[in-house]
Amino acid sequence: MKVSHILLILIVFAWPLNYLYQRQLGAISFLLLAIFFLVISIKETKRLKGQNNSGDSKTNREKIK
């Protein structure tokens, strides 16, 4: 995900998360933020793994030649 998209999502959800925090439900907002960052990290890991696999296949083809 682009950094601008992440910031936009965090800004949009800042008020509801703050509302939960003010109502003594801060654990819920913390859980939602943790899930959000987990999803982002999984997407980035898949993207990097895909880039590494495509790079490895290119080097393997060069070794075979």
PDB file of N, CA and C in Angstrom:
ATOM      1  N   MET A   1       0.835  -1.184   0.000  1.00  0.00           N
ATOM      2  CA  MET A   1       0.000   0.000   0.000  1.00  0.00           C
ATOM      3  C   MET A   1       0.878   1.245   0.000  1.00  0.00           C
ATOM      4  N   LYS A   2       0.379   2.267  -0.634  1.00  0.00           N
ATOM      5  CA  LYS A   2       1.106   3.516  -0.642  1.00  0.00           C
ATOM      6  C   LYS A   2       0.986   4.193   0.717  1.00  0.00           C
ATOM      7  N   VAL A   3       1.996   4.951   1.050  1.00  0.00           N
ATOM      8  CA  VAL A   3       2.011   5.656   2.328  1.00  0.00           C
ATOM      9  C   VAL A   3       0.855   6.649   2.398  1.00  0.00           C
ATOM     10  N   SER A   4       0.544   7.277   1.280  1.00  0.00           N
ATOM     11  CA  SER A   4      -0.559   8.246   1.280  1.00  0.00           C
ATOM     12  C   SER A   4      -1.895   7.573   1.577  1.00  0.00           C
ATOM     13  N   HIS A   5      -2.087   6.338   1.064  1.00  0.00           N
ATOM     14  CA  HIS A   5      -3.321   5.610   1.357  1.00  0.00           C
ATOM     15  C   HIS A   5      -3.406   5.247   2.842  1.00  0.00           C
ATOM     16  N   ILE A   6      -2.298   4.836   3.402  1.00  0.00           N
ATOM     17  CA  ILE A   6      -2.270   4.471   4.817  1.00  0.00           C
ATOM     18  C   ILE A   6      -2.592   5.686   5.680  1.00  0.00           C
ATOM     19  N   LEU A   7      -1.968   6.819   5.361  1.00  0.00           N
ATOM     20  CA  LEU A   7      -2.238   8.033   6.131  1.00  0.00           C
ATOM     21  C   LEU A   7      -3.690   8.470   5.997  1.00  0.00           C
ATOM     22  N   LEU A   8      -4.248   8.372   4.806  1.00  0.00           N
ATOM     23  CA  LEU A   8      -5.641   8.750   4.594  1.00  0.00           C
ATOM     24  C   LEU A   8      -6.573   7.868   5.419  1.00  0.00           C
ATOM     25  N   ILE A   9      -6.325   6.584   5.442  1.00  0.00           N
ATOM     26  CA  ILE A   9      -7.151   5.662   6.229  1.00  0.00           C
ATOM     27  C   ILE A   9      -7.041   5.984   7.719  1.00  0.00           C
ATOM     28  N   LEU A  10      -5.824   6.242   8.195  1.00  0.00           N
ATOM     29  CA  LEU A  10      -5.646   6.561   9.607  1.00  0.00           C
ATOM     30  C   LEU A  10      -6.329   7.874   9.983  1.00  0.00           C
ATOM     31  N   ILE A  11      -6.271   8.861   9.088  1.00  0.00           N
ATOM     32  CA  ILE A  11      -6.932  10.137   9.371  1.00  0.00           C
ATOM     33  C   ILE A  11      -8.442   9.969   9.413  1.00  0.00           C
ATOM     34  N   VAL A  12      -8.993   9.197   8.478  1.00  0.00           N
ATOM     35  CA  VAL A  12     -10.446   8.990   8.434  1.00  0.00           C
ATOM     36  C   VAL A  12     -10.934   8.261   9.689  1.00  0.00           C
ATOM     37  N   PHE A  13     -10.160   7.295  10.158  1.00  0.00           N
ATOM     38  CA  PHE A  13     -10.590   6.514  11.309  1.00  0.00           C
ATOM     39  C   PHE A  13     -10.094   7.067  12.648  1.00  0.00           C
ATOM     40  N   ALA A  14      -9.454   8.214  12.641  1.00  0.00           N
ATOM     41  CA  ALA A  14      -8.935   8.784  13.884  1.00  0.00           C
ATOM     42  C   ALA A  14     -10.067   9.175  14.841  1.00  0.00           C
ATOM     43  N   TRP A  15     -11.115   9.797  14.317  1.00  0.00           N
ATOM     44  CA  TRP A  15     -12.206  10.228  15.195  1.00  0.00           C
ATOM     45  C   TRP A  15     -12.930   9.046  15.834  1.00  0.00           C
ATOM     46  N   PRO A  16     -13.351   8.022  15.068  1.00  0.00           N
ATOM     47  CA  PRO A  16     -14.024   6.887  15.724  1.00  0.00           C
ATOM     48  C   PRO A  16     -13.135   6.169  16.744  1.00  0.00           C
ATOM     49  N   LEU A  17     -11.847   6.052  16.431  1.00  0.00           N
ATOM     50  CA  LEU A  17     -10.948   5.397  17.379  1.00  0.00           C
ATOM     51  C   LEU A  17     -10.764   6.232  18.636  1.00  0.00           C
ATOM     52  N   ASN A  18     -10.702   7.545  18.479  1.00  0.00           N
ATOM     53  CA  ASN A  18     -10.606   8.426  19.637  1.00  0.00           C
ATOM     54  C   ASN A  18     -11.891   8.357  20.465  1.00  0.00           C
ATOM     55  N   TYR A  19     -13.031   8.269  19.801  1.00  0.00           N
ATOM     56  CA  TYR A  19     -14.307   8.150  20.502  1.00  0.00           C
ATOM     57  C   TYR A  19     -14.333   6.884  21.365  1.00  0.00           C
ATOM     58  N   LEU A  20     -13.865   5.788  20.803  1.00  0.00           N
ATOM     59  CA  LEU A  20     -13.807   4.546  21.578  1.00  0.00           C
ATOM     60  C   LEU A  20     -12.870   4.702  22.770  1.00  0.00           C
ATOM     61  N   TYR A  21     -11.754   5.370  22.552  1.00  0.00           N
ATOM     62  CA  TYR A  21     -10.792   5.586  23.629  1.00  0.00           C
ATOM     63  C   TYR A  21     -11.403   6.427  24.750  1.00  0.00           C
ATOM     64  N   GLN A  22     -12.142   7.476  24.384  1.00  0.00           N
ATOM     65  CA  GLN A  22     -12.761   8.354  25.381  1.00  0.00           C
ATOM     66  C   GLN A  22     -13.842   7.620  26.167  1.00  0.00           C
ATOM     67  N   ARG A  23     -14.469   6.628  25.577  1.00  0.00           N
ATOM     68  CA  ARG A  23     -15.512   5.841  26.246  1.00  0.00           C
ATOM     69  C   ARG A  23     -14.941   4.660  27.031  1.00  0.00           C
ATOM     70  N   GLN A  24     -13.661   4.704  27.315  1.00  0.00           N
ATOM     71  CA  GLN A  24     -12.969   3.648  28.064  1.00  0.00           C
ATOM     72  C   GLN A  24     -12.953   2.323  27.310  1.00  0.00           C
ATOM     73  N   LEU A  25     -12.977   2.399  25.982  1.00  0.00           N
ATOM     74  CA  LEU A  25     -12.894   1.198  25.156  1.00  0.00           C
ATOM     75  C   LEU A  25     -11.630   1.242  24.303  1.00  0.00           C
ATOM     76  N   GLY A  26     -10.558   1.691  24.900  1.00  0.00           N
ATOM     77  CA  GLY A  26      -9.291   1.843  24.187  1.00  0.00           C
ATOM     78  C   GLY A  26      -8.724   0.528  23.680  1.00  0.00           C
ATOM     79  N   ALA A  27      -9.064  -0.565  24.334  1.00  0.00           N
ATOM     80  CA  ALA A  27      -8.557  -1.864  23.900  1.00  0.00           C
ATOM     81  C   ALA A  27      -9.110  -2.223  22.521  1.00  0.00           C
ATOM     82  N   ILE A  28     -10.347  -1.823  22.251  1.00  0.00           N
ATOM     83  CA  ILE A  28     -10.945  -2.114  20.947  1.00  0.00           C
ATOM     84  C   ILE A  28     -10.241  -1.320  19.860  1.00  0.00           C
ATOM     85  N   SER A  29      -9.974  -0.044  20.119  1.00  0.00           N
ATOM     86  CA  SER A  29      -9.283   0.760  19.108  1.00  0.00           C
ATOM     87  C   SER A  29      -7.862   0.248  18.891  1.00  0.00           C
ATOM     88  N   PHE A  30      -7.206  -0.186  19.961  1.00  0.00           N
ATOM     89  CA  PHE A  30      -5.867  -0.757  19.824  1.00  0.00           C
ATOM     90  C   PHE A  30      -5.915  -2.037  19.000  1.00  0.00           C
ATOM     91  N   LEU A  31      -6.919  -2.877  19.235  1.00  0.00           N
ATOM     92  CA  LEU A  31      -7.069  -4.117  18.469  1.00  0.00           C
ATOM     93  C   LEU A  31      -7.308  -3.814  16.994  1.00  0.00           C
ATOM     94  N   LEU A  32      -8.147  -2.838  16.693  1.00  0.00           N
ATOM     95  CA  LEU A  32      -8.418  -2.485  15.301  1.00  0.00           C
ATOM     96  C   LEU A  32      -7.165  -1.953  14.609  1.00  0.00           C
ATOM     97  N   LEU A  33      -6.389  -1.135  15.299  1.00  0.00           N
ATOM     98  CA  LEU A  33      -5.133  -0.640  14.722  1.00  0.00           C
ATOM     99  C   LEU A  33      -4.138  -1.779  14.508  1.00  0.00           C
ATOM    100  N   ALA A  34      -4.081  -2.707  15.448  1.00  0.00           N
ATOM    101  CA  ALA A  34      -3.176  -3.851  15.312  1.00  0.00           C
ATOM    102  C   ALA A  34      -3.561  -4.703  14.104  1.00  0.00           C
ATOM    103  N   ILE A  35      -4.853  -4.924  13.906  1.00  0.00           N
ATOM    104  CA  ILE A  35      -5.312  -5.696  12.754  1.00  0.00           C
ATOM    105  C   ILE A  35      -4.986  -4.960  11.460  1.00  0.00           C
ATOM    106  N   PHE A  36      -5.182  -3.644  11.449  1.00  0.00           N
ATOM    107  CA  PHE A  36      -4.883  -2.839  10.259  1.00  0.00           C
ATOM    108  C   PHE A  36      -3.411  -2.958   9.885  1.00  0.00           C
ATOM    109  N   PHE A  37      -2.512  -2.808  10.851  1.00  0.00           N
ATOM    110  CA  PHE A  37      -1.090  -2.895  10.549  1.00  0.00           C
ATOM    111  C   PHE A  37      -0.664  -4.325  10.225  1.00  0.00           C
ATOM    112  N   LEU A  38      -1.356  -5.322  10.763  1.00  0.00           N
ATOM    113  CA  LEU A  38      -1.073  -6.707  10.404  1.00  0.00           C
ATOM    114  C   LEU A  38      -1.409  -6.950   8.936  1.00  0.00           C
ATOM    115  N   VAL A  39      -2.547  -6.451   8.492  1.00  0.00           N
ATOM    116  CA  VAL A  39      -2.942  -6.614   7.092  1.00  0.00           C
ATOM    117  C   VAL A  39      -1.938  -5.925   6.176  1.00  0.00           C
ATOM    118  N   ILE A  40      -1.503  -4.732   6.548  1.00  0.00           N
ATOM    119  CA  ILE A  40      -0.510  -4.016   5.738  1.00  0.00           C
ATOM    120  C   ILE A  40       0.795  -4.805   5.663  1.00  0.00           C
ATOM    121  N   SER A  41       1.243  -5.343   6.789  1.00  0.00           N
ATOM    122  CA  SER A  41       2.513  -6.077   6.783  1.00  0.00           C
ATOM    123  C   SER A  41       2.408  -7.374   5.982  1.00  0.00           C
ATOM    124  N   ILE A  42       1.258  -8.038   6.016  1.00  0.00           N
ATOM    125  CA  ILE A  42       1.076  -9.258   5.218  1.00  0.00           C
ATOM    126  C   ILE A  42       1.115  -8.923   3.736  1.00  0.00           C
ATOM    127  N   LYS A  43       0.446  -7.825   3.337  1.00  0.00           N
ATOM    128  CA  LYS A  43       0.475  -7.421   1.926  1.00  0.00           C
ATOM    129  C   LYS A  43       1.887  -7.093   1.474  1.00  0.00           C
ATOM    130  N   GLU A  44       2.633  -6.371   2.294  1.00  0.00           N
ATOM    131  CA  GLU A  44       4.004  -6.011   1.924  1.00  0.00           C
ATOM    132  C   GLU A  44       4.893  -7.248   1.849  1.00  0.00           C
ATOM    133  N   THR A  45       4.695  -8.198   2.756  1.00  0.00           N
ATOM    134  CA  THR A  45       5.487  -9.424   2.737  1.00  0.00           C
ATOM    135  C   THR A  45       5.218 -10.222   1.470  1.00  0.00           C
ATOM    136  N   LYS A  46       3.939 -10.326   1.076  1.00  0.00           N
ATOM    137  CA  LYS A  46       3.598 -11.039  -0.158  1.00  0.00           C
ATOM    138  C   LYS A  46       4.201 -10.342  -1.367  1.00  0.00           C
ATOM    139  N   ARG A  47       4.158  -9.004  -1.375  1.00  0.00           N
ATOM    140  CA  ARG A  47       4.708  -8.249  -2.494  1.00  0.00           C
ATOM    141  C   ARG A  47       6.218  -8.469  -2.602  1.00  0.00           C
ATOM    142  N   LEU A  48       6.914  -8.409  -1.470  1.00  0.00           N
ATOM    143  CA  LEU A  48       8.362  -8.608  -1.490  1.00  0.00           C
ATOM    144  C   LEU A  48       8.730 -10.037  -1.857  1.00  0.00           C
ATOM    145  N   LYS A  49       7.948 -10.997  -1.384  1.00  0.00           N
ATOM    146  CA  LYS A  49       8.208 -12.392  -1.712  1.00  0.00           C
ATOM    147  C   LYS A  49       8.016 -12.628  -3.205  1.00  0.00           C
ATOM    148  N   GLY A  50       7.002 -12.000  -3.785  1.00  0.00           N
ATOM    149  CA  GLY A  50       6.773 -12.112  -5.228  1.00  0.00           C
ATOM    150  C   GLY A  50       7.904 -11.510  -6.027  1.00  0.00           C
ATOM    151  N   GLN A  51       8.447 -10.385  -5.560  1.00  0.00           N
ATOM    152  CA  GLN A  51       9.574  -9.769  -6.240  1.00  0.00           C
ATOM    153  C   GLN A  51      10.817 -10.645  -6.136  1.00  0.00           C
ATOM    154  N   ASN A  52      11.032 -11.238  -4.977  1.00  0.00           N
ATOM    155  CA  ASN A  52      12.205 -12.104  -4.795  1.00  0.00           C
ATOM    156  C   ASN A  52      12.090 -13.356  -5.653  1.00  0.00           C
ATOM    157  N   ASN A  53      10.896 -13.923  -5.745  1.00  0.00           N
ATOM    158  CA  ASN A  53      10.721 -15.134  -6.554  1.00  0.00           C
ATOM    159  C   ASN A  53      10.943 -14.842  -8.027  1.00  0.00           C
ATOM    160  N   SER A  54      10.476 -13.716  -8.518  1.00  0.00           N
ATOM    161  CA  SER A  54      10.699 -13.379  -9.923  1.00  0.00           C
ATOM    162  C   SER A  54      12.177 -13.094 -10.173  1.00  0.00           C
ATOM    163  N   GLY A  55      12.865 -12.501  -9.226  1.00  0.00           N
ATOM    164  CA  GLY A  55      14.296 -12.253  -9.363  1.00  0.00           C
ATOM    165  C   GLY A  55      15.095 -13.535  -9.327  1.00  0.00           C
ATOM    166  N   ASP A  56      14.678 -14.491  -8.479  1.00  0.00           N
ATOM    167  CA  ASP A  56      15.371 -15.773  -8.392  1.00  0.00           C
ATOM    168  C   ASP A  56      15.213 -16.571  -9.680  1.00  0.00           C
ATOM    169  N   SER A  57      14.042 -16.520 -10.291  1.00  0.00           N
ATOM    170  CA  SER A  57      13.839 -17.292 -11.511  1.00  0.00           C
ATOM    171  C   SER A  57      14.685 -16.729 -12.648  1.00  0.00           C
ATOM    172  N   LYS A  58      14.903 -15.425 -12.658  1.00  0.00           N
ATOM    173  CA  LYS A  58      15.762 -14.825 -13.681  1.00  0.00           C
ATOM    174  C   LYS A  58      17.206 -15.270 -13.499  1.00  0.00           C
ATOM    175  N   THR A  59      17.678 -15.298 -12.258  1.00  0.00           N
ATOM    176  CA  THR A  59      19.063 -15.707 -12.030  1.00  0.00           C
ATOM    177  C   THR A  59      19.226 -17.192 -12.318  1.00  0.00           C
ATOM    178  N   ASN A  60      18.206 -17.996 -12.037  1.00  0.00           N
ATOM    179  CA  ASN A  60      18.291 -19.424 -12.340  1.00  0.00           C
ATOM    180  C   ASN A  60      18.371 -19.647 -13.847  1.00  0.00           C
ATOM    181  N   ARG A  61      17.628 -18.864 -14.635  1.00  0.00           N
ATOM    182  CA  ARG A  61      17.688 -19.005 -16.094  1.00  0.00           C
ATOM    183  C   ARG A  61      19.076 -18.626 -16.604  1.00  0.00           C
ATOM    184  N   GLU A  62      19.683 -17.602 -16.000  1.00  0.00           N
ATOM    185  CA  GLU A  62      21.012 -17.189 -16.425  1.00  0.00           C
ATOM    186  C   GLU A  62      22.045 -18.255 -16.083  1.00  0.00           C
ATOM    187  N   LYS A  63      21.879 -18.948 -14.961  1.00  0.00           N
ATOM    188  CA  LYS A  63      22.828 -19.993 -14.574  1.00  0.00           C
ATOM    189  C   LYS A  63      22.738 -21.193 -15.514  1.00  0.00           C
ATOM    190  N   ILE A  64      21.521 -21.484 -15.976  1.00  0.00           N
ATOM    191  CA  ILE A  64      21.335 -22.633 -16.868  1.00  0.00           C
ATOM    192  C   ILE A  64      22.014 -22.385 -18.211  1.00  0.00           C
ATOM    193  N   LYS A  65      21.981 -21.157 -18.686  1.00  0.00           N
ATOM    194  CA  LYS A  65      22.597 -20.825 -19.989  1.00  0.00           C
ATOM    195  C   LYS A  65      24.074 -20.939 -19.840  1.00  0.00           C
TER     196      LYS A  65
END
